[in-house]
Amino acid sequence: MSDNCTINDHMPNEEDICDLADFFKVFADSSRLKVLWALHHGEVCVTHLAEQLNMNTPAISHQLKILRQNHLVRTRRDGKKVYYRLADDHVQRILELGSEHMSE
């Protein structure tokens, strides 16, 4: 940083900081992290997520709703089943970077 710059010159505005804090709060729940990791390798329906994670379907659905509202997962309907997947590569990278950081 040059002598003419201040920290505030590089700081996002207050609204963006609050939005980022809210975004990271979504990752602060172990159930949601389990769901995200389960989706890390491809799409899965709610029933299979519940079975694989040893959770009940309403609990999985609740976590998926929060993840969907925060644009972290996407859905695809096939008949009566809804399949979930990570929204994009950014979500996958966030999980991988967090895991990498924790293992150091």
Foldseek 3Di string as FASTA:
>chain_A
DDPPDDPVVVDDDPVVVVVVVVLVVLVVDVVLLLVQVVQLVHKDWLVVSCVVVVHDSVVSVVNVVVCVVSQQWDWDDDPPTIIIHGNDVVSSVVSVVVVVVVVD
